[in-house]
Amino acid sequence: MLFALGHLPATLILFGELSFLIVFRCMLLNGVFGLVFGWLYRKLGIQYAMSAHAMTHVCCDALLFIFIYLSK
């Protein structure tokens, strides 16, 4: 849950306001990924958890680029 709460400022910047549904989405999605990254940390070490976190951002940014900029 702390991992998810840490992403609320970025969610505020992205959406401009924090309604219940936006906060719920942030907590749900980041909470699930936080569990995965925590599991990676416990089983394989910090470098794998950090790499997975970074690659998640790279993939999400690539999808955002495809859907926003290439759909015009």
N, C-alpha and C. Protein backbone atom coordinates (compact mmCIF):
# COMPACT_ATOMS: atom_id res chain seq x y z
N MET A 1 0.83 -1.20 0.00
CA MET A 1 0.00 0.00 0.00
C MET A 1 0.87 1.26 0.00
N LEU A 2 2.03 1.20 0.66
CA LEU A 2 2.92 2.36 0.66
C LEU A 2 3.44 2.65 -0.74
N PHE A 3 3.71 1.59 -1.49
CA PHE A 3 4.15 1.76 -2.88
C PHE A 3 3.07 2.49 -3.67
N ALA A 4 1.84 2.11 -3.49
CA ALA A 4 0.73 2.74 -4.20
C ALA A 4 0.55 4.19 -3.75
N LEU A 5 0.63 4.44 -2.46
CA LEU A 5 0.49 5.81 -1.95
C LEU A 5 1.59 6.72 -2.49
N GLY A 6 2.77 6.16 -2.70
CA GLY A 6 3.88 6.94 -3.25
C GLY A 6 3.64 7.41 -4.67
N HIS A 7 2.69 6.80 -5.36
CA HIS A 7 2.38 7.18 -6.73
C HIS A 7 1.23 8.18 -6.84
N LEU A 8 0.63 8.56 -5.73
CA LEU A 8 -0.47 9.53 -5.78
C LEU A 8 -0.05 10.90 -6.31
N PRO A 9 1.13 11.44 -5.97
CA PRO A 9 1.50 12.73 -6.55
C PRO A 9 1.61 12.68 -8.08
N ALA A 10 2.17 11.60 -8.62
CA ALA A 10 2.26 11.47 -10.08
C ALA A 10 0.87 11.34 -10.69
N THR A 11 -0.03 10.66 -10.00
CA THR A 11 -1.41 10.52 -10.48
C THR A 11 -2.10 11.88 -10.49
N LEU A 12 -1.85 12.69 -9.48
CA LEU A 12 -2.43 14.04 -9.43
C LEU A 12 -1.93 14.87 -10.60
N ILE A 13 -0.65 14.78 -10.91
CA ILE A 13 -0.09 15.53 -12.03
C ILE A 13 -0.70 15.05 -13.34
N LEU A 14 -0.85 13.73 -13.48
CA LEU A 14 -1.37 13.16 -14.72
C LEU A 14 -2.84 13.51 -14.95
N PHE A 15 -3.66 13.40 -13.91
CA PHE A 15 -5.10 13.60 -14.08
C PHE A 15 -5.58 15.00 -13.68
N GLY A 16 -4.81 15.73 -12.90
CA GLY A 16 -5.20 17.09 -12.52
C GLY A 16 -6.09 17.19 -11.31
N GLU A 17 -6.75 16.12 -10.95
CA GLU A 17 -7.59 16.09 -9.74
C GLU A 17 -7.66 14.66 -9.25
N LEU A 18 -8.02 14.50 -8.00
CA LEU A 18 -8.08 13.16 -7.42
C LEU A 18 -9.50 12.84 -6.98
N SER A 19 -10.27 12.26 -7.85
CA SER A 19 -11.60 11.79 -7.48
C SER A 19 -11.46 10.41 -6.84
N PHE A 20 -12.55 9.91 -6.31
CA PHE A 20 -12.52 8.58 -5.68
C PHE A 20 -12.08 7.51 -6.66
N LEU A 21 -12.61 7.55 -7.89
CA LEU A 21 -12.27 6.52 -8.88
C LEU A 21 -10.80 6.58 -9.30
N ILE A 22 -10.26 7.77 -9.40
CA ILE A 22 -8.85 7.90 -9.79
C ILE A 22 -7.95 7.39 -8.67
N VAL A 23 -8.27 7.73 -7.43
CA VAL A 23 -7.48 7.22 -6.30
C VAL A 23 -7.62 5.71 -6.19
N PHE A 24 -8.82 5.19 -6.40
CA PHE A 24 -9.04 3.74 -6.37
C PHE A 24 -8.22 3.05 -7.45
N ARG A 25 -8.22 3.60 -8.67
CA ARG A 25 -7.43 3.05 -9.77
C ARG A 25 -5.95 3.06 -9.42
N CYS A 26 -5.47 4.16 -8.88
CA CYS A 26 -4.06 4.28 -8.50
C CYS A 26 -3.70 3.24 -7.44
N MET A 27 -4.52 3.13 -6.43
CA MET A 27 -4.24 2.19 -5.34
C MET A 27 -4.32 0.74 -5.81
N LEU A 28 -5.29 0.43 -6.66
CA LEU A 28 -5.45 -0.93 -7.14
C LEU A 28 -4.30 -1.34 -8.04
N LEU A 29 -4.05 -0.56 -9.08
CA LEU A 29 -3.01 -0.93 -10.03
C LEU A 29 -1.62 -0.90 -9.41
N ASN A 30 -1.29 0.18 -8.70
CA ASN A 30 0.02 0.27 -8.09
C ASN A 30 0.17 -0.70 -6.92
N GLY A 31 -0.94 -1.01 -6.25
CA GLY A 31 -0.89 -2.00 -5.18
C GLY A 31 -0.56 -3.38 -5.70
N VAL A 32 -1.18 -3.76 -6.82
CA VAL A 32 -0.89 -5.07 -7.42
C VAL A 32 0.55 -5.13 -7.89
N PHE A 33 1.00 -4.09 -8.59
CA PHE A 33 2.39 -4.08 -9.04
C PHE A 33 3.35 -4.03 -7.86
N GLY A 34 2.98 -3.34 -6.80
CA GLY A 34 3.81 -3.31 -5.60
C GLY A 34 3.99 -4.69 -4.99
N LEU A 35 2.93 -5.48 -5.01
CA LEU A 35 3.05 -6.87 -4.52
C LEU A 35 4.00 -7.68 -5.40
N VAL A 36 3.91 -7.49 -6.71
CA VAL A 36 4.80 -8.21 -7.63
C VAL A 36 6.25 -7.78 -7.40
N PHE A 37 6.47 -6.48 -7.32
CA PHE A 37 7.84 -5.99 -7.11
C PHE A 37 8.37 -6.42 -5.74
N GLY A 38 7.51 -6.45 -4.74
CA GLY A 38 7.92 -6.93 -3.42
C GLY A 38 8.30 -8.40 -3.45
N TRP A 39 7.53 -9.19 -4.19
CA TRP A 39 7.85 -10.60 -4.33
C TRP A 39 9.20 -10.78 -5.03
N LEU A 40 9.42 -10.00 -6.10
CA LEU A 40 10.71 -10.06 -6.80
C LEU A 40 11.85 -9.69 -5.86
N TYR A 41 11.64 -8.67 -5.06
CA TYR A 41 12.66 -8.25 -4.10
C TYR A 41 13.00 -9.36 -3.12
N ARG A 42 11.96 -10.01 -2.58
CA ARG A 42 12.19 -11.07 -1.59
C ARG A 42 12.86 -12.30 -2.20
N LYS A 43 12.48 -12.64 -3.44
CA LYS A 43 12.99 -13.87 -4.06
C LYS A 43 14.31 -13.67 -4.79
N LEU A 44 14.48 -12.54 -5.48
CA LEU A 44 15.63 -12.39 -6.37
C LEU A 44 16.56 -11.23 -6.01
N GLY A 45 16.05 -10.25 -5.27
CA GLY A 45 16.90 -9.13 -4.87
C GLY A 45 16.40 -7.81 -5.41
N ILE A 46 17.00 -6.76 -4.88
CA ILE A 46 16.57 -5.41 -5.20
C ILE A 46 16.77 -5.05 -6.67
N GLN A 47 17.84 -5.57 -7.27
CA GLN A 47 18.13 -5.21 -8.66
C GLN A 47 17.03 -5.70 -9.61
N TYR A 48 16.45 -6.86 -9.34
CA TYR A 48 15.37 -7.37 -10.18
C TYR A 48 14.08 -6.59 -9.96
N ALA A 49 13.80 -6.23 -8.73
CA ALA A 49 12.60 -5.44 -8.44
C ALA A 49 12.70 -4.06 -9.08
N MET A 50 13.86 -3.44 -8.97
CA MET A 50 14.05 -2.11 -9.56
C MET A 50 14.02 -2.18 -11.08
N SER A 51 14.59 -3.21 -11.66
CA SER A 51 14.56 -3.38 -13.12
C SER A 51 13.14 -3.59 -13.62
N ALA A 52 12.38 -4.40 -12.91
CA ALA A 52 10.99 -4.64 -13.30
C ALA A 52 10.17 -3.36 -13.19
N HIS A 53 10.40 -2.58 -12.15
CA HIS A 53 9.71 -1.31 -11.97
C HIS A 53 10.04 -0.36 -13.11
N ALA A 54 11.32 -0.27 -13.46
CA ALA A 54 11.74 0.62 -14.55
C ALA A 54 11.15 0.15 -15.88
N MET A 55 11.16 -1.14 -16.13
CA MET A 55 10.62 -1.65 -17.39
C MET A 55 9.11 -1.46 -17.48
N THR A 56 8.43 -1.49 -16.35
CA THR A 56 7.00 -1.21 -16.34
C THR A 56 6.74 0.21 -16.80
N HIS A 57 7.56 1.16 -16.32
CA HIS A 57 7.41 2.55 -16.75
C HIS A 57 7.73 2.71 -18.23
N VAL A 58 8.76 2.03 -18.71
CA VAL A 58 9.12 2.11 -20.13
C VAL A 58 7.97 1.59 -20.99
N CYS A 59 7.41 0.45 -20.63
CA CYS A 59 6.30 -0.12 -21.40
C CYS A 59 5.06 0.77 -21.37
N CYS A 60 4.74 1.30 -20.20
CA CYS A 60 3.57 2.19 -20.09
C CYS A 60 3.76 3.47 -20.89
N ASP A 61 4.98 4.03 -20.87
CA ASP A 61 5.25 5.23 -21.65
C ASP A 61 5.18 4.94 -23.14
N ALA A 62 5.66 3.77 -23.57
CA ALA A 62 5.59 3.39 -24.98
C ALA A 62 4.13 3.24 -25.41
N LEU A 63 3.31 2.60 -24.59
CA LEU A 63 1.89 2.46 -24.92
C LEU A 63 1.20 3.82 -24.97
N LEU A 64 1.53 4.69 -24.04
CA LEU A 64 0.95 6.04 -24.03
C LEU A 64 1.33 6.77 -25.31
N PHE A 65 2.58 6.66 -25.72
CA PHE A 65 3.04 7.28 -26.96
C PHE A 65 2.27 6.74 -28.16
N ILE A 66 2.12 5.43 -28.21
CA ILE A 66 1.41 4.81 -29.34
C ILE A 66 -0.04 5.26 -29.40
N PHE A 67 -0.73 5.23 -28.27
CA PHE A 67 -2.15 5.56 -28.27
C PHE A 67 -2.44 7.04 -28.45
N ILE A 68 -1.57 7.90 -27.92
CA ILE A 68 -1.85 9.33 -28.00
C ILE A 68 -1.29 9.95 -29.27
N TYR A 69 -0.02 9.74 -29.53
CA TYR A 69 0.64 10.47 -30.62
C TYR A 69 0.49 9.80 -31.98
N LEU A 70 0.41 8.50 -32.02
CA LEU A 70 0.31 7.82 -33.31
C LEU A 70 -1.13 7.63 -33.75
N SER A 71 -2.10 7.91 -32.88
CA SER A 71 -3.49 7.74 -33.26
C SER A 71 -4.07 8.98 -33.92
N LYS A 72 -3.28 10.03 -34.02
CA LYS A 72 -3.77 11.29 -34.62
C LYS A 72 -3.80 11.20 -36.12
